[in-house]
Amino acid sequence: MKLAEWRASWASRAIFWAATCFAFVMAVVPHPPEIPGEPSDKIQHIAAFATLALLGSFAYPRTGLLKLLAGLSLFGAFIEVVQAIPSLHRDSDVMDWLADTLAATVVLALVRWRRARD
């Protein structure tokens, strides 16, 4: 791997993991900050996991997209389990996990389609 490729790979992975940590923290803090426009909870989940799927596809281009999807889906499920902790005062909802998984699925299907065209 050339130095420029290594730097691009390292940078995209750092961005992916920073976004993943940010998503987790925002999902589990007891009182997350207000978002302009006050989008619904499901829209926030969809936006977060669509973004993570896209970033993950750049960060790990050699990883199979199904494997990436499985990891993101498990991450979404983990968030819902953590949100079930009473002291966090958050709501755990299976529908949130489904929204996470569906958003990642759609984005990764588009990534697969785009890669097939190249």
Protein backbone atom coordinates (compact mmCIF):
# COMPACT_ATOMS: atom_id res chain seq x y z
CA MET A 1 0.00 0.00 0.00
CA LYS A 2 1.34 3.38 -0.98
CA LEU A 3 1.79 6.08 1.65
CA ALA A 4 -1.01 8.22 0.20
CA GLU A 5 -3.40 5.23 0.26
CA TRP A 6 -2.40 4.44 3.84
CA ARG A 7 -3.04 8.04 4.91
CA ALA A 8 -6.44 8.10 3.18
CA SER A 9 -7.32 4.77 4.79
CA TRP A 10 -6.16 5.94 8.22
CA ALA A 11 -8.05 9.22 7.92
CA SER A 12 -11.29 7.60 6.76
CA ARG A 13 -11.11 5.08 9.60
CA ALA A 14 -10.48 7.83 12.13
CA ILE A 15 -13.50 9.74 10.83
CA PHE A 16 -15.67 6.60 10.91
CA TRP A 17 -14.71 5.75 14.50
CA ALA A 18 -15.10 9.37 15.64
CA ALA A 19 -18.61 9.41 14.14
CA THR A 20 -19.38 6.04 15.76
CA CYS A 21 -18.28 7.32 19.19
CA PHE A 22 -20.27 10.53 18.69
CA ALA A 23 -23.40 8.55 17.76
CA PHE A 24 -23.02 6.34 20.82
CA VAL A 25 -22.53 9.25 23.21
CA MET A 26 -25.50 11.17 21.79
CA ALA A 27 -27.61 8.01 22.06
CA VAL A 28 -26.86 7.40 25.73
CA VAL A 29 -26.47 10.82 27.37
CA PRO A 30 -29.47 11.46 29.61
CA HIS A 31 -30.28 14.85 28.06
CA PRO A 32 -28.90 15.14 24.52
CA PRO A 33 -28.71 18.61 22.98
CA GLU A 34 -31.62 19.89 20.90
CA ILE A 35 -31.19 19.52 17.15
CA PRO A 36 -32.31 22.39 14.92
CA GLY A 37 -35.68 21.63 13.37
CA GLU A 38 -36.35 19.05 16.08
CA PRO A 39 -36.34 15.98 13.80
CA SER A 40 -38.12 12.90 15.11
CA ASP A 41 -36.23 10.18 16.91
CA LYS A 42 -36.53 7.86 13.89
CA ILE A 43 -35.13 10.51 11.52
CA GLN A 44 -32.16 10.94 13.85
CA HIS A 45 -31.56 7.18 13.87
CA ILE A 46 -31.84 6.98 10.08
CA ALA A 47 -29.46 9.91 9.57
CA ALA A 48 -26.91 8.51 12.03
CA PHE A 49 -26.83 5.01 10.60
CA ALA A 50 -26.95 6.11 6.97
CA THR A 51 -23.92 8.28 7.72
CA LEU A 52 -22.13 5.48 9.57
CA ALA A 53 -22.80 3.06 6.71
CA LEU A 54 -21.37 5.46 4.13
CA LEU A 55 -18.35 6.31 6.27
CA GLY A 56 -17.81 2.63 7.03
CA SER A 57 -17.84 1.75 3.33
CA PHE A 58 -15.03 4.25 2.75
CA ALA A 59 -13.13 3.30 5.90
CA TYR A 60 -13.23 -0.44 5.17
CA PRO A 61 -13.51 -0.82 1.39
CA ARG A 62 -12.19 -4.39 1.44
CA THR A 63 -14.63 -5.54 4.09
CA GLY A 64 -17.71 -7.25 2.74
CA LEU A 65 -20.77 -5.04 2.81
CA LEU A 66 -22.83 -7.73 4.57
CA LYS A 67 -20.21 -7.90 7.29
CA LEU A 68 -20.31 -4.11 7.65
CA LEU A 69 -24.12 -4.23 7.76
CA ALA A 70 -24.03 -6.90 10.46
CA GLY A 71 -21.63 -4.81 12.54
CA LEU A 72 -23.74 -1.69 12.23
CA SER A 73 -26.91 -3.60 13.05
CA LEU A 74 -25.27 -5.09 16.15
CA PHE A 75 -24.10 -1.60 17.13
CA GLY A 76 -27.67 -0.33 16.83
CA ALA A 77 -28.92 -3.22 18.97
CA PHE A 78 -26.21 -2.50 21.54
CA ILE A 79 -27.32 1.13 21.75
CA GLU A 80 -30.89 0.01 22.45
CA VAL A 81 -29.71 -2.35 25.20
CA VAL A 82 -27.69 0.44 26.82
CA GLN A 83 -30.66 2.81 26.54
CA ALA A 84 -32.69 0.33 28.60
CA ILE A 85 -30.54 1.15 31.65
CA PRO A 86 -32.98 2.99 33.94
CA SER A 87 -30.45 5.51 35.28
CA LEU A 88 -29.90 6.90 31.76
CA HIS A 89 -33.54 7.99 31.46
CA ARG A 90 -33.59 6.98 27.79
CA ASP A 91 -36.15 4.95 25.87
CA SER A 92 -35.14 1.65 24.32
CA ASP A 93 -37.20 0.74 21.25
CA VAL A 94 -36.86 -2.19 18.86
CA MET A 95 -38.22 0.06 16.11
CA ASP A 96 -35.17 2.31 16.54
CA TRP A 97 -32.92 -0.70 15.93
CA LEU A 98 -34.96 -1.59 12.85
CA ALA A 99 -34.62 2.00 11.57
CA ASP A 100 -30.85 1.81 12.13
CA THR A 101 -30.59 -1.47 10.25
CA LEU A 102 -32.85 -0.36 7.40
CA ALA A 103 -30.93 2.90 6.90
CA ALA A 104 -27.60 1.05 6.80
CA THR A 105 -29.07 -1.54 4.41
CA VAL A 106 -30.27 1.09 1.94
CA VAL A 107 -26.98 2.98 1.94
CA LEU A 108 -24.87 -0.16 1.60
CA ALA A 109 -27.09 -1.39 -1.25
CA LEU A 110 -26.42 1.91 -3.01
CA VAL A 111 -22.70 1.52 -2.33
CA ARG A 112 -22.80 -1.99 -3.82
CA TRP A 113 -24.65 -0.69 -6.87
CA ARG A 114 -22.12 2.13 -7.30
CA ARG A 115 -19.15 -0.22 -6.94
CA ALA A 116 -20.62 -2.57 -9.53
CA ARG A 117 -20.84 0.30 -12.01
CA ASP A 118 -17.14 1.22 -11.58
